[in-house]
Amino acid sequence: MNIVKVRALLSSILLVVFIGVLVITIGVLYITKTGNPFLGMNKSELFNARNILGPIMNVLIIIHLALNWNLYKKELKVLFK
């Protein structure tokens, strides 16, 4: 598999995990304000899901940065020029 396909796959997985974390965060805020369950889950269940997705997202971000490090350095040079 070439590097472009790996980057595309990683970015897609990262987007899906990000959307999951975003929905969980909205759910926690909803439960905190209303006290009602969100999508059939209580607050502790949402925190458990976040405790799973959060570390996965962090690992994916580190891999993403490692794969795109040279591009990132070039972008920083342009930014601080």
C-alpha atoms as a PDB file:
ATOM      1  CA  MET A   1       0.000   0.000   0.000  1.00  0.00           C
ATOM      2  CA  ASN A   2       1.475   3.350  -0.927  1.00  0.00           C
ATOM      3  CA  ILE A   3       1.856   6.231   1.511  1.00  0.00           C
ATOM      4  CA  VAL A   4      -0.993   8.287   0.012  1.00  0.00           C
ATOM      5  CA  LYS A   5      -3.467   5.455   0.607  1.00  0.00           C
ATOM      6  CA  VAL A   6      -2.168   4.969   4.149  1.00  0.00           C
ATOM      7  CA  ARG A   7      -2.596   8.681   4.856  1.00  0.00           C
ATOM      8  CA  ALA A   8      -6.109   8.673   3.382  1.00  0.00           C
ATOM      9  CA  LEU A   9      -7.108   5.625   5.427  1.00  0.00           C
ATOM     10  CA  LEU A  10      -5.651   7.084   8.611  1.00  0.00           C
ATOM     11  CA  SER A  11      -7.369  10.426   8.044  1.00  0.00           C
ATOM     12  CA  SER A  12     -10.699   8.678   7.450  1.00  0.00           C
ATOM     13  CA  ILE A  13     -10.415   6.611  10.621  1.00  0.00           C
ATOM     14  CA  LEU A  14      -9.366   9.715  12.560  1.00  0.00           C
ATOM     15  CA  LEU A  15     -12.425  11.579  11.265  1.00  0.00           C
ATOM     16  CA  VAL A  16     -14.772   8.776  12.362  1.00  0.00           C
ATOM     17  CA  VAL A  17     -13.226   8.644  15.843  1.00  0.00           C
ATOM     18  CA  PHE A  18     -13.398  12.461  16.084  1.00  0.00           C
ATOM     19  CA  ILE A  19     -17.107  12.405  15.221  1.00  0.00           C
ATOM     20  CA  GLY A  20     -17.630   9.755  17.912  1.00  0.00           C
ATOM     21  CA  VAL A  21     -15.840  11.871  20.517  1.00  0.00           C
ATOM     22  CA  LEU A  22     -17.836  14.933  19.406  1.00  0.00           C
ATOM     23  CA  VAL A  23     -21.163  13.086  19.783  1.00  0.00           C
ATOM     24  CA  ILE A  24     -20.117  11.807  23.203  1.00  0.00           C
ATOM     25  CA  THR A  25     -19.165  15.331  24.298  1.00  0.00           C
ATOM     26  CA  ILE A  26     -22.535  16.670  23.136  1.00  0.00           C
ATOM     27  CA  GLY A  27     -24.202  13.821  25.039  1.00  0.00           C
ATOM     28  CA  VAL A  28     -22.343  14.612  28.260  1.00  0.00           C
ATOM     29  CA  LEU A  29     -23.313  18.281  27.976  1.00  0.00           C
ATOM     30  CA  TYR A  30     -26.934  17.312  27.300  1.00  0.00           C
ATOM     31  CA  ILE A  31     -27.082  14.949  30.285  1.00  0.00           C
ATOM     32  CA  THR A  32     -25.416  17.526  32.528  1.00  0.00           C
ATOM     33  CA  LYS A  33     -27.991  20.198  31.636  1.00  0.00           C
ATOM     34  CA  THR A  34     -31.145  18.061  31.474  1.00  0.00           C
ATOM     35  CA  GLY A  35     -30.456  14.961  33.554  1.00  0.00           C
ATOM     36  CA  ASN A  36     -32.046  12.819  30.816  1.00  0.00           C
ATOM     37  CA  PRO A  37     -30.252   9.954  29.038  1.00  0.00           C
ATOM     38  CA  PHE A  38     -28.633  10.682  25.670  1.00  0.00           C
ATOM     39  CA  LEU A  39     -29.189   8.048  22.948  1.00  0.00           C
ATOM     40  CA  GLY A  40     -30.135   5.592  25.685  1.00  0.00           C
ATOM     41  CA  MET A  41     -26.866   6.063  27.590  1.00  0.00           C
ATOM     42  CA  ASN A  42     -26.270   7.584  30.978  1.00  0.00           C
ATOM     43  CA  LYS A  43     -23.339   9.789  31.906  1.00  0.00           C
ATOM     44  CA  SER A  44     -21.068   6.980  33.125  1.00  0.00           C
ATOM     45  CA  GLU A  45     -21.607   4.983  29.930  1.00  0.00           C
ATOM     46  CA  LEU A  46     -20.675   8.018  27.853  1.00  0.00           C
ATOM     47  CA  PHE A  47     -17.547   8.559  29.949  1.00  0.00           C
ATOM     48  CA  ASN A  48     -16.611   4.898  29.438  1.00  0.00           C
ATOM     49  CA  ALA A  49     -16.993   5.301  25.669  1.00  0.00           C
ATOM     50  CA  ARG A  50     -14.912   8.473  25.788  1.00  0.00           C
ATOM     51  CA  ASN A  51     -12.242   6.657  27.800  1.00  0.00           C
ATOM     52  CA  ILE A  52     -11.977   4.163  24.939  1.00  0.00           C
ATOM     53  CA  LEU A  53     -12.162   6.582  22.014  1.00  0.00           C
ATOM     54  CA  GLY A  54      -9.924   9.258  23.562  1.00  0.00           C
ATOM     55  CA  PRO A  55      -6.711   7.200  23.695  1.00  0.00           C
ATOM     56  CA  ILE A  56      -7.437   5.736  20.250  1.00  0.00           C
ATOM     57  CA  MET A  57      -7.744   9.260  18.893  1.00  0.00           C
ATOM     58  CA  ASN A  58      -4.490  10.312  20.572  1.00  0.00           C
ATOM     59  CA  VAL A  59      -2.579   7.391  19.044  1.00  0.00           C
ATOM     60  CA  LEU A  60      -4.054   8.125  15.610  1.00  0.00           C
ATOM     61  CA  ILE A  61      -3.061  11.798  15.900  1.00  0.00           C
ATOM     62  CA  ILE A  62       0.522  10.827  16.762  1.00  0.00           C
ATOM     63  CA  ILE A  63       0.687   8.448  13.781  1.00  0.00           C
ATOM     64  CA  HIS A  64      -0.875  11.112  11.543  1.00  0.00           C
ATOM     65  CA  LEU A  65       1.720  13.675  12.605  1.00  0.00           C
ATOM     66  CA  ALA A  66       4.539  11.178  12.096  1.00  0.00           C
ATOM     67  CA  LEU A  67       3.384  10.364   8.572  1.00  0.00           C
ATOM     68  CA  ASN A  68       2.967  14.031   7.677  1.00  0.00           C
ATOM     69  CA  TRP A  69       5.940  15.447   9.582  1.00  0.00           C
ATOM     70  CA  ASN A  70       7.808  16.818   6.558  1.00  0.00           C
ATOM     71  CA  LEU A  71       4.698  18.569   5.259  1.00  0.00           C
ATOM     72  CA  TYR A  72       4.058  19.968   8.732  1.00  0.00           C
ATOM     73  CA  LYS A  73       7.606  21.390   8.937  1.00  0.00           C
ATOM     74  CA  LYS A  74       7.133  23.092   5.559  1.00  0.00           C
ATOM     75  CA  GLU A  75       3.837  24.580   6.703  1.00  0.00           C
ATOM     76  CA  LEU A  76       5.464  25.928   9.865  1.00  0.00           C
ATOM     77  CA  LYS A  77       8.222  27.561   7.817  1.00  0.00           C
ATOM     78  CA  VAL A  78       5.591  29.325   5.708  1.00  0.00           C
ATOM     79  CA  LEU A  79       3.602  30.308   8.795  1.00  0.00           C
ATOM     80  CA  PHE A  80       6.552  31.874  10.623  1.00  0.00           C
ATOM     81  CA  LYS A  81       8.249  33.378   7.596  1.00  0.00           C
END
